[in-house]
Amino acid sequence: MIDYVIRAAAGFVILLILLFLGPYTNIEWLQPTSPYRFLIVPIALIGSWVCLYLFRKLKQKKSASA
């Protein structure tokens, strides 16, 4: 269950960061008028999987050293 919470929270945070940074940066596909703005969702999903992977590796490293 904790894996799903970590994935959801990480994806939500990444999504919000990208949506709020979009108008303030010159990255073309993050701009509100860009037709490619939908790419934010797959990036947030990939980012959430990466966060979960890193969390699992950190958890394994802690349990191995204890």
Protein backbone atom coordinates (compact mmCIF):
# COMPACT_ATOMS: atom_id res chain seq x y z
CA MET A 1 0.00 0.00 0.00
CA ILE A 2 2.85 2.38 0.80
CA ASP A 3 4.17 1.91 -2.75
CA TYR A 4 0.95 3.25 -4.24
CA VAL A 5 0.93 6.23 -1.88
CA ILE A 6 4.52 7.09 -2.77
CA ARG A 7 3.81 6.77 -6.49
CA ALA A 8 0.66 8.89 -6.30
CA ALA A 9 2.24 11.59 -4.15
CA ALA A 10 5.39 11.79 -6.27
CA GLY A 11 3.39 11.95 -9.50
CA PHE A 12 1.12 14.65 -8.10
CA VAL A 13 4.06 16.74 -6.89
CA ILE A 14 5.90 16.43 -10.21
CA LEU A 15 2.72 17.33 -12.09
CA LEU A 16 2.13 20.42 -9.96
CA ILE A 17 5.75 21.54 -10.26
CA LEU A 18 5.63 21.27 -14.04
CA LEU A 19 2.28 23.06 -14.27
CA PHE A 20 3.40 25.94 -12.06
CA LEU A 21 6.84 26.29 -13.68
CA GLY A 22 5.45 26.27 -17.20
CA PRO A 23 4.34 29.90 -17.41
CA TYR A 24 7.58 31.15 -15.82
CA THR A 25 10.04 29.33 -18.07
CA ASN A 26 10.84 29.49 -21.75
CA ILE A 27 10.40 25.76 -22.26
CA GLU A 28 8.11 25.72 -25.27
CA TRP A 29 6.12 22.55 -24.56
CA LEU A 30 5.31 23.69 -20.99
CA GLN A 31 3.64 26.91 -22.11
CA PRO A 32 -0.16 27.06 -21.62
CA THR A 33 -0.80 27.60 -25.34
CA SER A 34 1.34 24.67 -26.51
CA PRO A 35 -0.45 21.70 -28.09
CA TYR A 36 2.23 19.41 -26.58
CA ARG A 37 1.42 20.27 -22.99
CA PHE A 38 -0.21 16.85 -22.55
CA LEU A 39 3.34 15.43 -22.30
CA ILE A 40 3.36 16.57 -18.67
CA VAL A 41 1.26 13.57 -17.63
CA PRO A 42 3.61 10.84 -18.94
CA ILE A 43 6.58 12.68 -17.44
CA ALA A 44 4.82 12.76 -14.06
CA LEU A 45 4.06 9.03 -14.33
CA ILE A 46 7.65 8.18 -15.19
CA GLY A 47 8.89 10.43 -12.40
CA SER A 48 6.65 8.70 -9.89
CA TRP A 49 8.00 5.28 -10.92
CA VAL A 50 11.56 6.57 -10.57
CA CYS A 51 10.79 7.93 -7.08
CA LEU A 52 9.32 4.58 -6.08
CA TYR A 53 12.37 2.74 -7.42
CA LEU A 54 14.73 5.03 -5.50
CA PHE A 55 12.64 4.63 -2.34
CA ARG A 56 12.83 0.83 -2.61
CA LYS A 57 16.59 0.92 -3.18
CA LEU A 58 17.06 3.20 -0.17
CA LYS A 59 14.86 0.94 1.93
CA GLN A 60 16.86 -2.17 0.88
CA LYS A 61 20.14 -0.43 1.63
CA LYS A 62 18.92 0.56 5.11
CA SER A 63 17.71 -2.95 5.94
CA ALA A 64 20.94 -4.54 4.67
CA SER A 65 23.12 -2.30 6.82
CA ALA A 66 21.01 -2.74 9.96
